[in-house]
Amino acid sequence: MKTMLSLAATLLLAGTHITLQAAEMTMAGLGRQDLIKRDLSTPGLEVVQVRVDFGPGVTAPAHSHPGEEVAFVLQGALEYQLAGQPAVVLQAGQSLFIPAGTVHSAKNVGSGEAKELATYVVRQGRPLVTLAGTPAQSPMRER
């Protein structure tokens, strides 16, 4: 029941275009800490880096980004599912490149907490995250 309430709250927030950070706070066991956001020397691009914390068994919902992501597992074991590809499990110290616009999710498949360092090179002014399966791919703005 708690999972259903959490999912319902997340979908409600997605529909109202609240920030991903607020949506994540409603999902038990999934958190995020923003580390840096800077414009790049290439016009129209910025780099964003965040730490994502996953409780045991927690899955981040399927989503995409308006640019590339490099995911680096800091702690634990995470299973990544990229659209059209077989799932891959990464351990602490391993990384994965996620192409722009690719729908993906990540799940903590270890016995304890897992942590990921996510680095994005994205277009400025676009939502950092778009949840998959939401009406019209509703964007969720960061900050």
Protein backbone atom coordinates (compact mmCIF):
# COMPACT_ATOMS: atom_id res chain seq x y z
CA MET A 1 0.00 0.00 0.00
CA LYS A 2 2.86 2.37 0.88
CA THR A 3 4.45 1.68 -2.53
CA MET A 4 1.16 2.48 -4.30
CA LEU A 5 0.81 5.75 -2.38
CA SER A 6 4.38 6.66 -3.21
CA LEU A 7 3.82 5.91 -6.91
CA ALA A 8 0.57 7.89 -6.93
CA ALA A 9 2.29 10.88 -5.29
CA THR A 10 5.13 10.71 -7.82
CA LEU A 11 2.74 10.62 -10.78
CA LEU A 12 0.74 13.50 -9.32
CA LEU A 13 3.90 15.58 -8.97
CA ALA A 14 4.94 14.69 -12.52
CA GLY A 15 1.62 15.93 -13.83
CA THR A 16 2.03 19.25 -12.05
CA HIS A 17 5.60 19.82 -13.27
CA ILE A 18 7.17 19.91 -9.79
CA THR A 19 10.91 19.34 -9.56
CA LEU A 20 12.41 15.88 -9.79
CA GLN A 21 14.03 16.46 -6.43
CA ALA A 22 10.61 16.93 -4.80
CA ALA A 23 9.29 13.85 -6.57
CA GLU A 24 12.28 11.82 -5.38
CA MET A 25 11.67 12.87 -1.79
CA THR A 26 8.23 11.24 -1.98
CA MET A 27 9.80 7.96 -3.11
CA ALA A 28 11.01 6.10 -0.06
CA GLY A 29 14.63 5.12 -0.38
CA LEU A 30 15.59 7.33 -3.34
CA GLY A 31 17.42 10.61 -2.81
CA ARG A 32 19.55 13.08 -4.71
CA GLN A 33 22.20 15.66 -3.86
CA ASP A 34 23.02 18.31 -6.46
CA LEU A 35 26.78 18.82 -6.63
CA ILE A 36 27.51 21.21 -9.52
CA LYS A 37 25.84 22.93 -12.45
CA ARG A 38 28.02 24.98 -14.84
CA ASP A 39 27.84 26.35 -18.37
CA LEU A 40 30.33 24.79 -20.77
CA SER A 41 32.47 26.65 -23.29
CA THR A 42 30.32 25.14 -26.06
CA PRO A 43 27.35 27.51 -26.46
CA GLY A 44 24.05 26.06 -25.28
CA LEU A 45 25.52 23.23 -23.19
CA GLU A 46 25.98 22.76 -19.45
CA VAL A 47 27.37 20.09 -17.15
CA VAL A 48 25.33 18.90 -14.17
CA GLN A 49 26.59 16.46 -11.57
CA VAL A 50 24.50 14.82 -8.86
CA ARG A 51 24.79 11.97 -6.36
CA VAL A 52 21.85 9.60 -6.33
CA ASP A 53 21.26 7.37 -3.29
CA PHE A 54 19.24 4.15 -3.58
CA GLY A 55 17.90 2.20 -0.61
CA PRO A 56 17.91 -1.61 -0.84
CA GLY A 57 15.67 -2.82 -3.68
CA VAL A 58 14.75 0.72 -4.80
CA THR A 59 14.28 1.44 -8.51
CA ALA A 60 14.51 4.88 -10.11
CA PRO A 61 11.58 5.26 -12.53
CA ALA A 62 12.23 5.07 -16.28
CA HIS A 63 13.33 8.46 -17.57
CA SER A 64 15.54 10.25 -20.12
CA HIS A 65 17.80 13.32 -20.32
CA PRO A 66 18.33 16.02 -23.01
CA GLY A 67 21.98 15.07 -23.32
CA GLU A 68 24.50 12.40 -22.41
CA GLU A 69 24.91 10.87 -18.96
CA VAL A 70 27.88 9.08 -17.45
CA ALA A 71 26.79 7.01 -14.44
CA PHE A 72 29.52 5.93 -12.01
CA VAL A 73 28.64 3.55 -9.19
CA LEU A 74 30.16 4.81 -5.94
CA GLN A 75 28.79 2.12 -3.64
CA GLY A 76 26.85 -1.12 -3.94
CA ALA A 77 25.45 -2.74 -7.08
CA LEU A 78 23.05 -1.12 -9.56
CA GLU A 79 21.22 -2.77 -12.44
CA TYR A 80 20.75 -0.41 -15.39
CA GLN A 81 18.07 -1.02 -18.01
CA LEU A 82 18.50 1.03 -21.19
CA ALA A 83 15.70 0.88 -23.77
CA GLY A 84 16.33 -1.82 -26.36
CA GLN A 85 19.34 -3.29 -24.55
CA PRO A 86 19.82 -6.12 -22.07
CA ALA A 87 20.11 -5.09 -18.42
CA VAL A 88 23.62 -4.66 -17.04
CA VAL A 89 24.72 -4.80 -13.39
CA LEU A 90 27.53 -2.49 -12.30
CA GLN A 91 29.50 -2.72 -9.07
CA ALA A 92 31.23 0.12 -7.20
CA GLY A 93 33.98 1.56 -9.40
CA GLN A 94 32.27 0.78 -12.74
CA SER A 95 30.64 3.28 -15.09
CA LEU A 96 28.13 3.39 -17.93
CA PHE A 97 27.55 5.82 -20.82
CA ILE A 98 23.89 6.64 -21.52
CA PRO A 99 23.23 8.37 -24.87
CA ALA A 100 21.06 11.49 -25.07
CA GLY A 101 17.33 10.81 -25.00
CA THR A 102 17.68 7.12 -24.09
CA VAL A 103 14.95 5.94 -21.71
CA HIS A 104 16.55 4.11 -18.80
CA SER A 105 16.15 3.12 -15.17
CA ALA A 106 18.39 1.88 -12.38
CA LYS A 107 17.69 -0.53 -9.54
CA ASN A 108 19.67 -1.27 -6.40
CA VAL A 109 20.26 -5.04 -6.60
CA GLY A 110 22.66 -5.22 -3.66
CA SER A 111 21.89 -5.95 -0.03
CA GLY A 112 22.69 -2.45 1.28
CA GLU A 113 22.50 1.15 0.12
CA ALA A 114 23.84 2.00 -3.35
CA LYS A 115 25.16 5.37 -4.55
CA GLU A 116 25.70 6.71 -8.06
CA LEU A 117 27.58 9.76 -9.30
CA ALA A 118 25.69 10.98 -12.38
CA THR A 119 27.34 13.48 -14.72
CA TYR A 120 25.22 15.02 -17.48
CA VAL A 121 26.23 17.11 -20.49
CA VAL A 122 22.90 18.62 -21.48
CA ARG A 123 21.29 21.46 -23.38
CA GLN A 124 20.74 24.59 -21.29
CA GLY A 125 17.18 25.59 -20.48
CA ARG A 126 15.75 22.10 -21.03
CA PRO A 127 14.36 19.94 -18.23
CA LEU A 128 17.14 17.72 -16.88
CA VAL A 129 14.79 14.74 -16.50
CA THR A 130 11.70 13.57 -18.35
CA LEU A 131 9.81 10.66 -16.84
CA ALA A 132 8.87 7.96 -19.35
CA GLY A 133 5.22 7.01 -19.63
CA THR A 134 3.84 10.25 -18.25
CA PRO A 135 1.21 12.10 -20.30
CA ALA A 136 2.92 13.63 -23.34
CA GLN A 137 6.30 12.81 -21.73
CA SER A 138 5.70 15.59 -19.18
CA PRO A 139 9.02 17.22 -18.29
CA MET A 140 10.02 17.73 -14.69
CA ARG A 141 12.18 20.78 -14.19
CA GLU A 142 15.18 20.82 -11.91
CA ARG A 143 15.13 23.59 -9.34
